[in-house]
Amino acid sequence: MSSDSQEIRRSILSKWHKTLSEYGNLFSSDTVSGTSPPSVFVGSYNYPKVFVGPMVPPIHGDTSLLDNPEKWKGRSLEEIINFRLNLVRGVQKTGIEETEGRYIENLQEITMSEKPTDLDLVFMKNTSANISMDGESAPFGPTGEIKSAKFFGSTSAKPIEKIFYDKDMKAQDAVLKLYNSGIEISKIQKCFSIGMLGKKRKLVPTKWSITATDDIISKSIVKEILENSVIDTCKVFSYEHLGNMFSVILFPHRWIFEMIEGWYSNGVLGFGSDSEDARGIDHPPRIAGAYFAAKLGVSE
């Protein structure tokens, strides 16, 4: 970590401990009642028997911002991490093929919801107030194994509901139809993860569903790009956000994509890169899911 990131981490942990001293009973309890953004999470640990459940803060109201990355532009890293830390994660161990049954169906219903959804969760024991901030994975708040869950009614987004009940549509086609219907990419990723799309449906760990969705959409956009005329000059675009600097350079050429990533960690400068031509990439990229996320942004 850089000195800046370490300082942010210390500040976040300090504020988290202050929050616990004032509201600890909300984050270390055998129950939680609140409004989910809506948000669901499918873990990858112990695959194919994974931990699945809703994420809900111990507050009621409009919580949509807590799990809506499309609305985080202009927010500080500290704010975004605090959004994550306020979400209590309820889990049950479930096989990836188990996409039916009342519990999973309830999770699918809140994923389809147009608005934040009220939930009451009862856990096997008190949740731990400890938080995960290892610098590698996305941080999250307390976690508890669900004993019982009560889901309150919600109104489904019609494009998602229509796709959900179409059991003959391939998952790839479903992703693209939702995208072209204007559904936010983070919402599509949740639908993919909780087993709502395709013919042979299964639960997909959240981090894998994010990469798969980015890959499907960017491939489709690249096909459209290949139909366009080649630009007649080089173009350079740049953007800075949350301590990251992005530079996108377009050359007058048929589609070729190369991503070069550089980072500074613990006093060491690191680099990683990968590339593809119009046929796409034929191996897992060395810079992992960031490759597909960047490709999607550039292609859009």
C-alpha atoms as a PDB file:
ATOM      1  CA  MET A   1       0.000   0.000   0.000  1.00  0.00           C
ATOM      2  CA  SER A   2       1.099   3.599  -0.551  1.00  0.00           C
ATOM      3  CA  SER A   3       1.318   5.982   2.416  1.00  0.00           C
ATOM      4  CA  ASP A   4      -1.931   7.629   1.254  1.00  0.00           C
ATOM      5  CA  SER A   5      -3.825   4.331   1.207  1.00  0.00           C
ATOM      6  CA  GLN A   6      -2.436   3.390   4.622  1.00  0.00           C
ATOM      7  CA  GLU A   7      -3.603   6.732   6.011  1.00  0.00           C
ATOM      8  CA  ILE A   8      -7.078   6.202   4.536  1.00  0.00           C
ATOM      9  CA  ARG A   9      -7.170   2.705   6.024  1.00  0.00           C
ATOM     10  CA  ARG A  10      -6.245   4.013   9.485  1.00  0.00           C
ATOM     11  CA  SER A  11      -8.878   6.749   9.220  1.00  0.00           C
ATOM     12  CA  ILE A  12     -11.570   4.284   8.168  1.00  0.00           C
ATOM     13  CA  LEU A  13     -10.743   1.849  10.973  1.00  0.00           C
ATOM     14  CA  SER A  14     -10.732   4.695  13.501  1.00  0.00           C
ATOM     15  CA  LYS A  15     -14.182   5.870  12.386  1.00  0.00           C
ATOM     16  CA  TRP A  16     -15.441   2.270  12.334  1.00  0.00           C
ATOM     17  CA  HIS A  17     -14.375   1.759  15.960  1.00  0.00           C
ATOM     18  CA  LYS A  18     -16.042   5.058  16.882  1.00  0.00           C
ATOM     19  CA  THR A  19     -19.231   3.871  15.175  1.00  0.00           C
ATOM     20  CA  LEU A  20     -19.067   0.605  17.119  1.00  0.00           C
ATOM     21  CA  SER A  21     -18.710   2.462  20.414  1.00  0.00           C
ATOM     22  CA  GLU A  22     -21.908   4.392  19.638  1.00  0.00           C
ATOM     23  CA  TYR A  23     -23.957   1.842  17.713  1.00  0.00           C
ATOM     24  CA  GLY A  24     -22.234  -1.473  18.422  1.00  0.00           C
ATOM     25  CA  ASN A  25     -25.519  -3.180  19.259  1.00  0.00           C
ATOM     26  CA  LEU A  26     -26.591  -2.699  15.630  1.00  0.00           C
ATOM     27  CA  PHE A  27     -23.526  -4.456  14.224  1.00  0.00           C
ATOM     28  CA  SER A  28     -23.041  -7.224  16.814  1.00  0.00           C
ATOM     29  CA  SER A  29     -26.437  -8.816  17.218  1.00  0.00           C
ATOM     30  CA  ASP A  30     -28.330 -11.980  16.371  1.00  0.00           C
ATOM     31  CA  THR A  31     -30.851  -9.945  14.356  1.00  0.00           C
ATOM     32  CA  VAL A  32     -30.835  -7.144  11.824  1.00  0.00           C
ATOM     33  CA  SER A  33     -33.761  -5.207  10.408  1.00  0.00           C
ATOM     34  CA  GLY A  34     -33.180  -2.798   7.562  1.00  0.00           C
ATOM     35  CA  THR A  35     -33.594  -1.895   3.919  1.00  0.00           C
ATOM     36  CA  SER A  36     -31.427  -3.723   1.379  1.00  0.00           C
ATOM     37  CA  PRO A  37     -30.224  -1.453  -1.514  1.00  0.00           C
ATOM     38  CA  PRO A  38     -31.175  -4.229  -2.833  1.00  0.00           C
ATOM     39  CA  SER A  39     -28.012  -6.295  -2.665  1.00  0.00           C
ATOM     40  CA  VAL A  40     -27.092  -9.981  -2.751  1.00  0.00           C
ATOM     41  CA  PHE A  41     -23.722 -11.681  -2.464  1.00  0.00           C
ATOM     42  CA  VAL A  42     -22.503 -15.092  -3.647  1.00  0.00           C
ATOM     43  CA  GLY A  43     -19.131 -16.108  -2.251  1.00  0.00           C
ATOM     44  CA  SER A  44     -16.521 -18.281  -3.957  1.00  0.00           C
ATOM     45  CA  TYR A  45     -15.144 -19.973  -0.821  1.00  0.00           C
ATOM     46  CA  ASN A  46     -15.887 -23.718  -0.662  1.00  0.00           C
ATOM     47  CA  TYR A  47     -17.155 -23.735  -4.280  1.00  0.00           C
ATOM     48  CA  PRO A  48     -19.412 -25.458  -5.422  1.00  0.00           C
ATOM     49  CA  LYS A  49     -21.062 -25.221  -1.965  1.00  0.00           C
ATOM     50  CA  VAL A  50     -21.032 -21.456  -1.552  1.00  0.00           C
ATOM     51  CA  PHE A  51     -22.274 -18.905   0.966  1.00  0.00           C
ATOM     52  CA  VAL A  52     -25.201 -16.932  -0.421  1.00  0.00           C
ATOM     53  CA  GLY A  53     -27.326 -14.183   1.042  1.00  0.00           C
ATOM     54  CA  PRO A  54     -28.600 -10.626   1.153  1.00  0.00           C
ATOM     55  CA  MET A  55     -26.662  -7.593   2.339  1.00  0.00           C
ATOM     56  CA  VAL A  56     -28.650  -5.193   4.497  1.00  0.00           C
ATOM     57  CA  PRO A  57     -27.714  -2.192   6.667  1.00  0.00           C
ATOM     58  CA  PRO A  58     -29.310  -1.813  10.126  1.00  0.00           C
ATOM     59  CA  ILE A  59     -31.301   1.200   8.907  1.00  0.00           C
ATOM     60  CA  HIS A  60     -34.533   1.752   6.974  1.00  0.00           C
ATOM     61  CA  GLY A  61     -35.098   4.142   4.085  1.00  0.00           C
ATOM     62  CA  ASP A  62     -33.476   4.837   0.732  1.00  0.00           C
ATOM     63  CA  THR A  63     -30.234   2.838   0.962  1.00  0.00           C
ATOM     64  CA  SER A  64     -29.761   2.430  -2.800  1.00  0.00           C
ATOM     65  CA  LEU A  65     -26.457   4.343  -2.828  1.00  0.00           C
ATOM     66  CA  LEU A  66     -24.763   1.746  -0.590  1.00  0.00           C
ATOM     67  CA  ASP A  67     -24.441  -0.784  -3.428  1.00  0.00           C
ATOM     68  CA  ASN A  68     -24.756   1.192  -6.647  1.00  0.00           C
ATOM     69  CA  PRO A  69     -21.266   1.777  -8.152  1.00  0.00           C
ATOM     70  CA  GLU A  70     -22.732   3.726 -11.078  1.00  0.00           C
ATOM     71  CA  LYS A  71     -23.622   6.493  -8.588  1.00  0.00           C
ATOM     72  CA  TRP A  72     -20.244   6.643  -6.847  1.00  0.00           C
ATOM     73  CA  LYS A  73     -18.510   9.059  -9.217  1.00  0.00           C
ATOM     74  CA  GLY A  74     -17.141  11.975  -7.216  1.00  0.00           C
ATOM     75  CA  ARG A  75     -17.302  10.073  -3.929  1.00  0.00           C
ATOM     76  CA  SER A  76     -14.137   9.634  -1.894  1.00  0.00           C
ATOM     77  CA  LEU A  77     -12.558   6.231  -1.321  1.00  0.00           C
ATOM     78  CA  GLU A  78     -13.387   6.584   2.368  1.00  0.00           C
ATOM     79  CA  GLU A  79     -17.072   7.203   1.583  1.00  0.00           C
ATOM     80  CA  ILE A  80     -17.258   4.197  -0.740  1.00  0.00           C
ATOM     81  CA  ILE A  81     -15.639   1.862   1.792  1.00  0.00           C
ATOM     82  CA  ASN A  82     -18.026   3.105   4.470  1.00  0.00           C
ATOM     83  CA  PHE A  83     -20.934   2.274   2.154  1.00  0.00           C
ATOM     84  CA  ARG A  84     -19.637  -1.311   2.078  1.00  0.00           C
ATOM     85  CA  LEU A  85     -18.947  -1.528   5.808  1.00  0.00           C
ATOM     86  CA  ASN A  86     -22.524  -0.577   6.657  1.00  0.00           C
ATOM     87  CA  LEU A  87     -23.869  -3.657   4.872  1.00  0.00           C
ATOM     88  CA  VAL A  88     -24.417  -6.659   7.156  1.00  0.00           C
ATOM     89  CA  ARG A  89     -24.017  -9.848   5.120  1.00  0.00           C
ATOM     90  CA  GLY A  90     -26.367 -12.726   5.887  1.00  0.00           C
ATOM     91  CA  VAL A  91     -25.370 -16.120   4.467  1.00  0.00           C
ATOM     92  CA  GLN A  92     -26.544 -19.697   4.019  1.00  0.00           C
ATOM     93  CA  LYS A  93     -24.452 -22.460   2.464  1.00  0.00           C
ATOM     94  CA  THR A  94     -26.012 -23.486  -0.854  1.00  0.00           C
ATOM     95  CA  GLY A  95     -25.013 -25.670  -3.806  1.00  0.00           C
ATOM     96  CA  ILE A  96     -24.530 -23.733  -7.044  1.00  0.00           C
ATOM     97  CA  GLU A  97     -27.171 -25.858  -8.807  1.00  0.00           C
ATOM     98  CA  GLU A  98     -29.830 -24.919  -6.234  1.00  0.00           C
ATOM     99  CA  THR A  99     -31.454 -21.980  -8.021  1.00  0.00           C
ATOM    100  CA  GLU A 100     -34.942 -22.799  -6.778  1.00  0.00           C
ATOM    101  CA  GLY A 101     -36.449 -23.075  -3.296  1.00  0.00           C
ATOM    102  CA  ARG A 102     -37.974 -20.309  -1.209  1.00  0.00           C
ATOM    103  CA  TYR A 103     -34.737 -18.795   0.100  1.00  0.00           C
ATOM    104  CA  ILE A 104     -33.065 -18.378  -3.305  1.00  0.00           C
ATOM    105  CA  GLU A 105     -36.347 -17.297  -4.900  1.00  0.00           C
ATOM    106  CA  ASN A 106     -36.636 -14.534  -2.278  1.00  0.00           C
ATOM    107  CA  LEU A 107     -33.120 -13.379  -3.133  1.00  0.00           C
ATOM    108  CA  GLN A 108     -34.034 -13.378  -6.817  1.00  0.00           C
ATOM    109  CA  GLU A 109     -37.125 -11.300  -6.059  1.00  0.00           C
ATOM    110  CA  ILE A 110     -35.180  -8.599  -4.219  1.00  0.00           C
ATOM    111  CA  THR A 111     -32.584  -8.592  -7.018  1.00  0.00           C
ATOM    112  CA  MET A 112     -35.396  -7.851  -9.486  1.00  0.00           C
ATOM    113  CA  SER A 113     -36.716  -5.060  -7.279  1.00  0.00           C
ATOM    114  CA  GLU A 114     -36.807  -1.520  -8.648  1.00  0.00           C
ATOM    115  CA  LYS A 115     -36.401  -0.032  -5.164  1.00  0.00           C
ATOM    116  CA  PRO A 116     -34.697  -0.830  -1.847  1.00  0.00           C
ATOM    117  CA  THR A 117     -36.411  -3.704  -0.034  1.00  0.00           C
ATOM    118  CA  ASP A 118     -37.092  -4.225   3.684  1.00  0.00           C
ATOM    119  CA  LEU A 119     -35.667  -7.378   5.298  1.00  0.00           C
ATOM    120  CA  ASP A 120     -35.593  -8.925   8.764  1.00  0.00           C
ATOM    121  CA  LEU A 121     -32.803 -11.446   9.400  1.00  0.00           C
ATOM    122  CA  VAL A 122     -32.270 -13.697  12.427  1.00  0.00           C
ATOM    123  CA  PHE A 123     -28.798 -15.237  12.789  1.00  0.00           C
ATOM    124  CA  MET A 124     -27.585 -18.436  14.413  1.00  0.00           C
ATOM    125  CA  LYS A 125     -25.505 -16.282  16.783  1.00  0.00           C
ATOM    126  CA  ASN A 126     -24.378 -12.687  17.147  1.00  0.00           C
ATOM    127  CA  THR A 127     -22.589 -11.292  14.123  1.00  0.00           C
ATOM    128  CA  SER A 128     -18.992 -10.289  14.621  1.00  0.00           C
ATOM    129  CA  ALA A 129     -18.214  -6.581  14.415  1.00  0.00           C
ATOM    130  CA  ASN A 130     -14.863  -7.402  12.807  1.00  0.00           C
ATOM    131  CA  ILE A 131     -14.455  -6.147   9.251  1.00  0.00           C
ATOM    132  CA  SER A 132     -12.432  -7.368   6.289  1.00  0.00           C
ATOM    133  CA  MET A 133      -9.935  -4.909   4.790  1.00  0.00           C
ATOM    134  CA  ASP A 134      -7.072  -6.951   3.395  1.00  0.00           C
ATOM    135  CA  GLY A 135      -6.236  -4.603   0.523  1.00  0.00           C
ATOM    136  CA  GLU A 136      -7.082  -7.247  -2.077  1.00  0.00           C
ATOM    137  CA  SER A 137     -10.831  -7.973  -1.926  1.00  0.00           C
ATOM    138  CA  ALA A 138     -13.717  -5.536  -1.529  1.00  0.00           C
ATOM    139  CA  PRO A 139     -14.318  -4.736   2.154  1.00  0.00           C
ATOM    140  CA  PHE A 140     -17.538  -5.748   3.839  1.00  0.00           C
ATOM    141  CA  GLY A 141     -19.167  -5.389   7.233  1.00  0.00           C
ATOM    142  CA  PRO A 142     -20.280  -8.022   9.752  1.00  0.00           C
ATOM    143  CA  THR A 143     -21.340 -11.473   8.532  1.00  0.00           C
ATOM    144  CA  GLY A 144     -23.800 -13.899  10.096  1.00  0.00           C
ATOM    145  CA  GLU A 145     -25.245 -17.310   9.241  1.00  0.00           C
ATOM    146  CA  ILE A 146     -28.975 -16.918   8.686  1.00  0.00           C
ATOM    147  CA  LYS A 147     -31.401 -18.867  10.876  1.00  0.00           C
ATOM    148  CA  SER A 148     -34.521 -17.276   9.406  1.00  0.00           C
ATOM    149  CA  ALA A 149     -35.290 -14.442   7.011  1.00  0.00           C
ATOM    150  CA  LYS A 150     -38.367 -12.359   6.325  1.00  0.00           C
ATOM    151  CA  PHE A 151     -38.560 -10.603   2.965  1.00  0.00           C
ATOM    152  CA  PHE A 152     -41.135  -7.879   2.422  1.00  0.00           C
ATOM    153  CA  GLY A 153     -42.880  -7.196  -0.882  1.00  0.00           C
ATOM    154  CA  SER A 154     -41.206  -5.310  -3.704  1.00  0.00           C
ATOM    155  CA  THR A 155     -41.974  -4.129  -7.235  1.00  0.00           C
ATOM    156  CA  SER A 156     -39.969  -5.875  -9.952  1.00  0.00           C
ATOM    157  CA  ALA A 157     -38.257  -4.084 -12.831  1.00  0.00           C
ATOM    158  CA  LYS A 158     -40.236  -5.262 -15.868  1.00  0.00           C
ATOM    159  CA  PRO A 159     -37.263  -5.906 -18.231  1.00  0.00           C
ATOM    160  CA  ILE A 160     -35.619  -8.120 -15.586  1.00  0.00           C
ATOM    161  CA  GLU A 161     -38.850  -9.902 -14.717  1.00  0.00           C
ATOM    162  CA  LYS A 162     -39.459 -10.716 -18.388  1.00  0.00           C
ATOM    163  CA  ILE A 163     -35.953 -12.155 -18.821  1.00  0.00           C
ATOM    164  CA  PHE A 164     -36.214 -14.105 -15.562  1.00  0.00           C
ATOM    165  CA  TYR A 165     -39.283 -16.020 -16.743  1.00  0.00           C
ATOM    166  CA  ASP A 166     -37.796 -16.743 -20.186  1.00  0.00           C
ATOM    167  CA  LYS A 167     -36.103 -20.093 -19.518  1.00  0.00           C
ATOM    168  CA  ASP A 168     -35.242 -20.610 -23.213  1.00  0.00           C
ATOM    169  CA  MET A 169     -33.007 -17.558 -23.620  1.00  0.00           C
ATOM    170  CA  LYS A 170     -29.250 -18.086 -23.364  1.00  0.00           C
ATOM    171  CA  ALA A 171     -27.485 -16.284 -20.516  1.00  0.00           C
ATOM    172  CA  GLN A 172     -25.359 -14.285 -22.961  1.00  0.00           C
ATOM    173  CA  ASP A 173     -28.439 -13.081 -24.857  1.00  0.00           C
ATOM    174  CA  ALA A 174     -30.171 -12.239 -21.568  1.00  0.00           C
ATOM    175  CA  VAL A 175     -27.233 -10.091 -20.416  1.00  0.00           C
ATOM    176  CA  LEU A 176     -27.220  -8.167 -23.702  1.00  0.00           C
ATOM    177  CA  LYS A 177     -30.985  -7.690 -23.718  1.00  0.00           C
ATOM    178  CA  LEU A 178     -30.910  -6.235 -20.208  1.00  0.00           C
ATOM    179  CA  TYR A 179     -27.972  -3.994 -21.128  1.00  0.00           C
ATOM    180  CA  ASN A 180     -29.746  -2.719 -24.244  1.00  0.00           C
ATOM    181  CA  SER A 181     -32.874  -2.134 -22.121  1.00  0.00           C
ATOM    182  CA  GLY A 182     -30.935   0.347 -20.014  1.00  0.00           C
ATOM    183  CA  ILE A 183     -30.494  -1.817 -16.913  1.00  0.00           C
ATOM    184  CA  GLU A 184     -27.392  -0.809 -14.941  1.00  0.00           C
ATOM    185  CA  ILE A 185     -24.433  -3.149 -15.367  1.00  0.00           C
ATOM    186  CA  SER A 186     -24.093  -3.712 -11.606  1.00  0.00           C
ATOM    187  CA  LYS A 187     -27.737  -4.850 -11.556  1.00  0.00           C
ATOM    188  CA  ILE A 188     -27.144  -7.258 -14.454  1.00  0.00           C
ATOM    189  CA  GLN A 189     -24.152  -8.691 -12.607  1.00  0.00           C
ATOM    190  CA  LYS A 190     -26.341  -9.428  -9.573  1.00  0.00           C
ATOM    191  CA  CYS A 191     -28.960 -11.141 -11.768  1.00  0.00           C
ATOM    192  CA  PHE A 192     -26.224 -13.281 -13.331  1.00  0.00           C
ATOM    193  CA  SER A 193     -24.800 -14.159  -9.927  1.00  0.00           C
ATOM    194  CA  ILE A 194     -28.030 -15.245  -8.255  1.00  0.00           C
ATOM    195  CA  GLY A 195     -28.970 -17.687 -11.048  1.00  0.00           C
ATOM    196  CA  MET A 196     -31.651 -15.695 -12.871  1.00  0.00           C
ATOM    197  CA  LEU A 197     -30.389 -15.887 -16.457  1.00  0.00           C
ATOM    198  CA  GLY A 198     -30.030 -18.544 -19.125  1.00  0.00           C
ATOM    199  CA  LYS A 199     -31.214 -22.084 -19.786  1.00  0.00           C
ATOM    200  CA  LYS A 200     -28.993 -24.025 -17.380  1.00  0.00           C
ATOM    201  CA  ARG A 201     -29.096 -21.710 -14.406  1.00  0.00           C
ATOM    202  CA  LYS A 202     -26.685 -21.814 -11.503  1.00  0.00           C
ATOM    203  CA  LEU A 203     -25.358 -19.568  -8.781  1.00  0.00           C
ATOM    204  CA  VAL A 204     -22.181 -17.751  -9.798  1.00  0.00           C
ATOM    205  CA  PRO A 205     -19.790 -16.199  -7.258  1.00  0.00           C
ATOM    206  CA  THR A 206     -20.188 -12.427  -7.338  1.00  0.00           C
ATOM    207  CA  LYS A 207     -16.627 -11.660  -8.452  1.00  0.00           C
ATOM    208  CA  TRP A 208     -16.938 -14.156 -11.346  1.00  0.00           C
ATOM    209  CA  SER A 209     -20.306 -12.769 -12.444  1.00  0.00           C
ATOM    210  CA  ILE A 210     -18.812  -9.264 -12.627  1.00  0.00           C
ATOM    211  CA  THR A 211     -16.059 -10.441 -14.980  1.00  0.00           C
ATOM    212  CA  ALA A 212     -18.429 -12.565 -17.086  1.00  0.00           C
ATOM    213  CA  THR A 213     -20.892  -9.698 -17.539  1.00  0.00           C
ATOM    214  CA  ASP A 214     -18.142  -7.234 -18.488  1.00  0.00           C
ATOM    215  CA  ASP A 215     -16.761  -9.748 -20.999  1.00  0.00           C
ATOM    216  CA  ILE A 216     -20.126 -10.505 -22.639  1.00  0.00           C
ATOM    217  CA  ILE A 217     -21.074  -6.843 -23.073  1.00  0.00           C
ATOM    218  CA  SER A 218     -17.659  -5.670 -24.293  1.00  0.00           C
ATOM    219  CA  LYS A 219     -17.477  -8.470 -26.896  1.00  0.00           C
ATOM    220  CA  SER A 220     -20.837  -7.374 -28.284  1.00  0.00           C
ATOM    221  CA  ILE A 221     -19.762  -3.726 -28.464  1.00  0.00           C
ATOM    222  CA  VAL A 222     -16.501  -4.650 -30.214  1.00  0.00           C
ATOM    223  CA  LYS A 223     -18.528  -6.391 -32.945  1.00  0.00           C
ATOM    224  CA  GLU A 224     -20.301  -3.071 -33.542  1.00  0.00           C
ATOM    225  CA  ILE A 225     -16.996  -1.181 -33.521  1.00  0.00           C
ATOM    226  CA  LEU A 226     -15.643  -3.461 -36.266  1.00  0.00           C
ATOM    227  CA  GLU A 227     -18.459  -2.240 -38.525  1.00  0.00           C
ATOM    228  CA  ASN A 228     -17.393   1.390 -38.148  1.00  0.00           C
ATOM    229  CA  SER A 229     -14.869   3.356 -40.186  1.00  0.00           C
ATOM    230  CA  VAL A 230     -11.312   3.637 -38.871  1.00  0.00           C
ATOM    231  CA  ILE A 231     -10.565   6.986 -37.203  1.00  0.00           C
ATOM    232  CA  ASP A 232      -8.168   9.266 -39.106  1.00  0.00           C
ATOM    233  CA  THR A 233      -5.983  10.485 -36.236  1.00  0.00           C
ATOM    234  CA  CYS A 234      -4.694   9.502 -32.805  1.00  0.00           C
ATOM    235  CA  LYS A 235      -6.816  10.549 -29.835  1.00  0.00           C
ATOM    236  CA  VAL A 236      -5.847  10.687 -26.162  1.00  0.00           C
ATOM    237  CA  PHE A 237      -8.246  10.727 -23.209  1.00  0.00           C
ATOM    238  CA  SER A 238      -7.317  10.899 -19.531  1.00  0.00           C
ATOM    239  CA  TYR A 239      -9.158  10.751 -16.219  1.00  0.00           C
ATOM    240  CA  GLU A 240      -8.217  10.682 -12.546  1.00  0.00           C
ATOM    241  CA  HIS A 241     -10.327   9.259  -9.727  1.00  0.00           C
ATOM    242  CA  LEU A 242      -9.626   7.860  -6.248  1.00  0.00           C
ATOM    243  CA  GLY A 243      -5.870   8.122  -6.675  1.00  0.00           C
ATOM    244  CA  ASN A 244      -5.911   6.285 -10.015  1.00  0.00           C
ATOM    245  CA  MET A 245      -4.954   7.824 -13.363  1.00  0.00           C
ATOM    246  CA  PHE A 246      -6.425   6.420 -16.564  1.00  0.00           C
ATOM    247  CA  SER A 247      -5.091   7.171 -20.045  1.00  0.00           C
ATOM    248  CA  VAL A 248      -6.848   5.852 -23.153  1.00  0.00           C
ATOM    249  CA  ILE A 249      -5.011   6.198 -26.465  1.00  0.00           C
ATOM    250  CA  LEU A 250      -6.851   5.485 -29.719  1.00  0.00           C
ATOM    251  CA  PHE A 251      -4.843   4.716 -32.863  1.00  0.00           C
ATOM    252  CA  PRO A 252      -6.102   4.683 -36.488  1.00  0.00           C
ATOM    253  CA  HIS A 253      -6.309   0.901 -36.756  1.00  0.00           C
ATOM    254  CA  ARG A 254      -8.713  -2.010 -36.777  1.00  0.00           C
ATOM    255  CA  TRP A 255      -9.672  -3.135 -33.263  1.00  0.00           C
ATOM    256  CA  ILE A 256      -6.684  -4.100 -31.127  1.00  0.00           C
ATOM    257  CA  PHE A 257      -6.864  -3.690 -27.367  1.00  0.00           C
ATOM    258  CA  GLU A 258      -3.936  -3.577 -24.983  1.00  0.00           C
ATOM    259  CA  MET A 259      -4.103  -2.768 -21.299  1.00  0.00           C
ATOM    260  CA  ILE A 260      -1.021  -1.797 -19.325  1.00  0.00           C
ATOM    261  CA  GLU A 261      -1.457  -1.432 -15.584  1.00  0.00           C
ATOM    262  CA  GLY A 262       1.085   0.055 -13.216  1.00  0.00           C
ATOM    263  CA  TRP A 263       0.878   0.265  -9.446  1.00  0.00           C
ATOM    264  CA  TYR A 264       2.955   1.306  -6.480  1.00  0.00           C
ATOM    265  CA  SER A 265       2.829  -0.928  -3.402  1.00  0.00           C
ATOM    266  CA  ASN A 266       5.083  -1.101  -0.356  1.00  0.00           C
ATOM    267  CA  GLY A 267       7.762   0.947  -2.100  1.00  0.00           C
ATOM    268  CA  VAL A 268       7.800  -1.285  -5.186  1.00  0.00           C
ATOM    269  CA  LEU A 269       6.623  -0.263  -8.663  1.00  0.00           C
ATOM    270  CA  GLY A 270       4.820  -3.082 -10.484  1.00  0.00           C
ATOM    271  CA  PHE A 271       3.535  -3.541 -14.039  1.00  0.00           C
ATOM    272  CA  GLY A 272       1.157  -5.928 -15.770  1.00  0.00           C
ATOM    273  CA  SER A 273      -0.226  -6.063 -19.296  1.00  0.00           C
ATOM    274  CA  ASP A 274      -2.223  -8.119 -21.761  1.00  0.00           C
ATOM    275  CA  SER A 275      -3.706  -7.646 -25.213  1.00  0.00           C
ATOM    276  CA  GLU A 276      -5.997  -8.987 -27.927  1.00  0.00           C
ATOM    277  CA  ASP A 277      -6.870  -8.466 -31.564  1.00  0.00           C
ATOM    278  CA  ALA A 278     -10.312  -8.580 -33.179  1.00  0.00           C
ATOM    279  CA  ARG A 279     -10.597 -12.287 -32.353  1.00  0.00           C
ATOM    280  CA  GLY A 280     -10.560 -11.515 -28.630  1.00  0.00           C
ATOM    281  CA  ILE A 281      -8.283 -12.792 -25.886  1.00  0.00           C
ATOM    282  CA  ASP A 282      -7.675 -16.559 -25.882  1.00  0.00           C
ATOM    283  CA  HIS A 283      -6.334 -16.984 -22.341  1.00  0.00           C
ATOM    284  CA  PRO A 284      -7.094 -15.726 -18.832  1.00  0.00           C
ATOM    285  CA  PRO A 285      -5.605 -12.213 -18.710  1.00  0.00           C
ATOM    286  CA  ARG A 286      -2.593 -11.725 -16.485  1.00  0.00           C
ATOM    287  CA  ILE A 287      -4.225  -8.678 -14.904  1.00  0.00           C
ATOM    288  CA  ALA A 288      -7.394 -10.648 -14.121  1.00  0.00           C
ATOM    289  CA  GLY A 289     -10.859  -9.054 -14.077  1.00  0.00           C
ATOM    290  CA  ALA A 290      -9.505  -5.513 -14.382  1.00  0.00           C
ATOM    291  CA  TYR A 291      -8.784  -6.327 -18.035  1.00  0.00           C
ATOM    292  CA  PHE A 292     -12.460  -6.908 -18.866  1.00  0.00           C
ATOM    293  CA  ALA A 293     -13.642  -3.943 -16.783  1.00  0.00           C
ATOM    294  CA  ALA A 294     -11.270  -1.630 -18.668  1.00  0.00           C
ATOM    295  CA  LYS A 295     -12.163  -3.148 -22.038  1.00  0.00           C
ATOM    296  CA  LEU A 296     -15.848  -2.500 -21.350  1.00  0.00           C
ATOM    297  CA  GLY A 297     -15.210   1.141 -20.453  1.00  0.00           C
ATOM    298  CA  VAL A 298     -13.019   1.728 -23.508  1.00  0.00           C
ATOM    299  CA  SER A 299     -15.388  -0.009 -25.921  1.00  0.00           C
ATOM    300  CA  GLU A 300     -18.408   1.937 -24.642  1.00  0.00           C
END
